[in-house]
Amino acid sequence: MEVAGITYKDTYFVKTPFAADISLHFHELVHVHQWSLLGAESFIKRYISEIQTYGYNGAPLEKMAYSLQDRFMDNCTPTDVLSYVQNHL
Protein backbone atom coordinates (compact mmCIF):
# COMPACT_ATOMS: atom_id res chain seq x y z
CA MET A 1 0.00 0.00 0.00
CA GLU A 2 1.37 3.40 -0.98
CA VAL A 3 1.45 5.79 1.99
CA ALA A 4 2.74 9.33 2.55
CA GLY A 5 3.65 8.70 6.18
CA ILE A 6 3.89 6.01 8.81
CA THR A 7 4.11 5.99 12.60
CA TYR A 8 6.06 3.67 14.87
CA LYS A 9 5.62 4.28 18.58
CA ASP A 10 6.65 7.91 19.25
CA THR A 11 8.26 8.48 15.86
CA TYR A 12 6.75 9.03 12.47
CA PHE A 13 8.22 9.21 9.01
CA VAL A 14 6.97 11.07 5.95
CA LYS A 15 8.09 10.77 2.38
CA THR A 16 10.08 13.74 1.15
CA PRO A 17 7.41 15.06 -1.26
CA PHE A 18 5.02 15.36 1.71
CA ALA A 19 7.45 16.94 4.20
CA ALA A 20 5.68 20.32 4.12
CA ASP A 21 2.17 18.86 4.47
CA ILE A 22 1.15 20.06 7.93
CA SER A 23 -2.06 18.04 7.83
CA LEU A 24 -0.06 14.84 7.36
CA HIS A 25 2.14 15.71 10.33
CA PHE A 26 -0.99 16.30 12.41
CA HIS A 27 -2.47 12.96 11.28
CA GLU A 28 0.69 11.08 12.23
CA LEU A 29 0.82 12.80 15.61
CA VAL A 30 -2.66 11.47 16.31
CA HIS A 31 -1.24 8.00 15.67
CA VAL A 32 1.67 8.75 18.03
CA HIS A 33 -0.88 9.40 20.78
CA GLN A 34 -2.86 6.28 19.88
CA TRP A 35 0.35 4.25 20.17
CA SER A 36 1.16 5.83 23.55
CA LEU A 37 -2.27 5.02 24.99
CA LEU A 38 -2.63 1.52 23.59
CA GLY A 39 0.97 0.37 23.86
CA ALA A 40 2.92 -1.15 21.00
CA GLU A 41 1.51 -4.67 21.03
CA SER A 42 -2.11 -3.59 21.44
CA PHE A 43 -1.82 -0.88 18.80
CA ILE A 44 -0.29 -3.22 16.22
CA LYS A 45 -2.83 -5.99 16.85
CA ARG A 46 -5.75 -3.57 16.72
CA TYR A 47 -4.48 -1.70 13.67
CA ILE A 48 -3.91 -4.88 11.65
CA SER A 49 -7.27 -6.31 12.71
CA GLU A 50 -9.08 -3.10 11.76
CA ILE A 51 -7.42 -2.91 8.34
CA GLN A 52 -8.27 -6.55 7.65
CA THR A 53 -11.86 -6.14 8.85
CA TYR A 54 -12.78 -2.68 7.55
CA GLY A 55 -10.10 -1.81 5.00
CA TYR A 56 -7.82 1.18 5.37
CA ASN A 57 -10.47 3.87 4.89
CA GLY A 58 -12.91 2.20 7.28
CA ALA A 59 -10.47 1.30 10.05
CA PRO A 60 -11.52 3.11 13.26
CA LEU A 61 -7.99 4.22 14.20
CA GLU A 62 -7.54 5.74 10.73
CA LYS A 63 -11.02 7.25 10.74
CA MET A 64 -10.23 8.92 14.07
CA ALA A 65 -6.95 10.33 12.75
CA TYR A 66 -8.59 11.60 9.55
CA SER A 67 -11.52 13.11 11.45
CA LEU A 68 -9.20 15.06 13.73
CA GLN A 69 -7.02 16.01 10.77
CA ASP A 70 -10.09 17.41 8.99
CA ARG A 71 -11.07 19.43 12.08
CA PHE A 72 -7.55 20.80 12.27
CA MET A 73 -7.53 21.80 8.61
CA ASP A 74 -11.04 23.31 8.70
CA ASN A 75 -10.10 25.62 11.59
CA CYS A 76 -13.04 24.34 13.61
CA THR A 77 -13.49 24.94 17.27
CA PRO A 78 -10.31 23.99 19.10
CA THR A 79 -10.28 20.33 20.09
CA ASP A 80 -8.45 18.72 22.97
CA VAL A 81 -6.92 16.05 20.74
CA LEU A 82 -5.28 14.11 23.56
CA SER A 83 -8.54 13.78 25.49
CA TYR A 84 -10.52 13.07 22.32
CA VAL A 85 -8.27 10.16 21.39
CA GLN A 86 -8.29 8.79 24.93
CA ASN A 87 -12.08 8.96 25.13
CA HIS A 88 -12.68 7.40 21.68
CA LEU A 89 -10.30 4.46 21.69
C-alpha atoms as a PDB file:
ATOM      1  CA  MET A   1       0.000   0.000   0.000  1.00  0.00           C
ATOM      2  CA  GLU A   2       1.366   3.396  -0.979  1.00  0.00           C
ATOM      3  CA  VAL A   3       1.446   5.792   1.990  1.00  0.00           C
ATOM      4  CA  ALA A   4       2.736   9.326   2.548  1.00  0.00           C
ATOM      5  CA  GLY A   5       3.650   8.700   6.177  1.00  0.00           C
ATOM      6  CA  ILE A   6       3.889   6.011   8.811  1.00  0.00           C
ATOM      7  CA  THR A   7       4.114   5.991  12.600  1.00  0.00           C
ATOM      8  CA  TYR A   8       6.064   3.669  14.866  1.00  0.00           C
ATOM      9  CA  LYS A   9       5.620   4.278  18.577  1.00  0.00           C
ATOM     10  CA  ASP A  10       6.647   7.906  19.253  1.00  0.00           C
ATOM     11  CA  THR A  11       8.262   8.483  15.861  1.00  0.00           C
ATOM     12  CA  TYR A  12       6.752   9.028  12.475  1.00  0.00           C
ATOM     13  CA  PHE A  13       8.221   9.211   9.013  1.00  0.00           C
ATOM     14  CA  VAL A  14       6.973  11.072   5.951  1.00  0.00           C
ATOM     15  CA  LYS A  15       8.090  10.766   2.381  1.00  0.00           C
ATOM     16  CA  THR A  16      10.084  13.744   1.149  1.00  0.00           C
ATOM     17  CA  PRO A  17       7.413  15.065  -1.260  1.00  0.00           C
ATOM     18  CA  PHE A  18       5.022  15.361   1.714  1.00  0.00           C
ATOM     19  CA  ALA A  19       7.447  16.938   4.195  1.00  0.00           C
ATOM     20  CA  ALA A  20       5.679  20.323   4.124  1.00  0.00           C
ATOM     21  CA  ASP A  21       2.169  18.856   4.467  1.00  0.00           C
ATOM     22  CA  ILE A  22       1.151  20.058   7.930  1.00  0.00           C
ATOM     23  CA  SER A  23      -2.063  18.043   7.834  1.00  0.00           C
ATOM     24  CA  LEU A  24      -0.064  14.844   7.355  1.00  0.00           C
ATOM     25  CA  HIS A  25       2.142  15.713  10.328  1.00  0.00           C
ATOM     26  CA  PHE A  26      -0.991  16.301  12.412  1.00  0.00           C
ATOM     27  CA  HIS A  27      -2.466  12.965  11.280  1.00  0.00           C
ATOM     28  CA  GLU A  28       0.695  11.081  12.228  1.00  0.00           C
ATOM     29  CA  LEU A  29       0.824  12.805  15.612  1.00  0.00           C
ATOM     30  CA  VAL A  30      -2.663  11.468  16.309  1.00  0.00           C
ATOM     31  CA  HIS A  31      -1.240   8.001  15.665  1.00  0.00           C
ATOM     32  CA  VAL A  32       1.666   8.747  18.031  1.00  0.00           C
ATOM     33  CA  HIS A  33      -0.878   9.400  20.783  1.00  0.00           C
ATOM     34  CA  GLN A  34      -2.857   6.278  19.881  1.00  0.00           C
ATOM     35  CA  TRP A  35       0.351   4.254  20.173  1.00  0.00           C
ATOM     36  CA  SER A  36       1.159   5.832  23.552  1.00  0.00           C
ATOM     37  CA  LEU A  37      -2.265   5.024  24.993  1.00  0.00           C
ATOM     38  CA  LEU A  38      -2.633   1.515  23.595  1.00  0.00           C
ATOM     39  CA  GLY A  39       0.971   0.375  23.862  1.00  0.00           C
ATOM     40  CA  ALA A  40       2.921  -1.154  21.002  1.00  0.00           C
ATOM     41  CA  GLU A  41       1.510  -4.671  21.030  1.00  0.00           C
ATOM     42  CA  SER A  42      -2.112  -3.587  21.437  1.00  0.00           C
ATOM     43  CA  PHE A  43      -1.818  -0.880  18.801  1.00  0.00           C
ATOM     44  CA  ILE A  44      -0.286  -3.218  16.224  1.00  0.00           C
ATOM     45  CA  LYS A  45      -2.833  -5.990  16.848  1.00  0.00           C
ATOM     46  CA  ARG A  46      -5.751  -3.566  16.721  1.00  0.00           C
ATOM     47  CA  TYR A  47      -4.485  -1.700  13.671  1.00  0.00           C
ATOM     48  CA  ILE A  48      -3.912  -4.881  11.649  1.00  0.00           C
ATOM     49  CA  SER A  49      -7.269  -6.311  12.714  1.00  0.00           C
ATOM     50  CA  GLU A  50      -9.085  -3.103  11.760  1.00  0.00           C
ATOM     51  CA  ILE A  51      -7.419  -2.907   8.344  1.00  0.00           C
ATOM     52  CA  GLN A  52      -8.270  -6.548   7.652  1.00  0.00           C
ATOM     53  CA  THR A  53     -11.864  -6.139   8.847  1.00  0.00           C
ATOM     54  CA  TYR A  54     -12.784  -2.676   7.550  1.00  0.00           C
ATOM     55  CA  GLY A  55     -10.101  -1.808   5.001  1.00  0.00           C
ATOM     56  CA  TYR A  56      -7.820   1.180   5.369  1.00  0.00           C
ATOM     57  CA  ASN A  57     -10.472   3.865   4.889  1.00  0.00           C
ATOM     58  CA  GLY A  58     -12.912   2.198   7.279  1.00  0.00           C
ATOM     59  CA  ALA A  59     -10.469   1.302  10.046  1.00  0.00           C
ATOM     60  CA  PRO A  60     -11.520   3.107  13.257  1.00  0.00           C
ATOM     61  CA  LEU A  61      -7.986   4.219  14.196  1.00  0.00           C
ATOM     62  CA  GLU A  62      -7.543   5.739  10.725  1.00  0.00           C
ATOM     63  CA  LYS A  63     -11.020   7.253  10.735  1.00  0.00           C
ATOM     64  CA  MET A  64     -10.232   8.920  14.070  1.00  0.00           C
ATOM     65  CA  ALA A  65      -6.955  10.332  12.754  1.00  0.00           C
ATOM     66  CA  TYR A  66      -8.595  11.598   9.550  1.00  0.00           C
ATOM     67  CA  SER A  67     -11.525  13.107  11.453  1.00  0.00           C
ATOM     68  CA  LEU A  68      -9.203  15.062  13.733  1.00  0.00           C
ATOM     69  CA  GLN A  69      -7.019  16.006  10.770  1.00  0.00           C
ATOM     70  CA  ASP A  70     -10.092  17.408   8.994  1.00  0.00           C
ATOM     71  CA  ARG A  71     -11.072  19.430  12.082  1.00  0.00           C
ATOM     72  CA  PHE A  72      -7.551  20.802  12.274  1.00  0.00           C
ATOM     73  CA  MET A  73      -7.526  21.802   8.613  1.00  0.00           C
ATOM     74  CA  ASP A  74     -11.038  23.306   8.700  1.00  0.00           C
ATOM     75  CA  ASN A  75     -10.099  25.617  11.591  1.00  0.00           C
ATOM     76  CA  CYS A  76     -13.040  24.338  13.614  1.00  0.00           C
ATOM     77  CA  THR A  77     -13.494  24.940  17.273  1.00  0.00           C
ATOM     78  CA  PRO A  78     -10.310  23.992  19.100  1.00  0.00           C
ATOM     79  CA  THR A  79     -10.281  20.327  20.090  1.00  0.00           C
ATOM     80  CA  ASP A  80      -8.447  18.715  22.965  1.00  0.00           C
ATOM     81  CA  VAL A  81      -6.920  16.053  20.741  1.00  0.00           C
ATOM     82  CA  LEU A  82      -5.276  14.108  23.558  1.00  0.00           C
ATOM     83  CA  SER A  83      -8.543  13.779  25.488  1.00  0.00           C
ATOM     84  CA  TYR A  84     -10.518  13.069  22.323  1.00  0.00           C
ATOM     85  CA  VAL A  85      -8.270  10.159  21.391  1.00  0.00           C
ATOM     86  CA  GLN A  86      -8.292   8.790  24.928  1.00  0.00           C
ATOM     87  CA  ASN A  87     -12.083   8.956  25.127  1.00  0.00           C
ATOM     88  CA  HIS A  88     -12.681   7.404  21.681  1.00  0.00           C
ATOM     89  CA  LEU A  89     -10.300   4.456  21.688  1.00  0.00           C
END
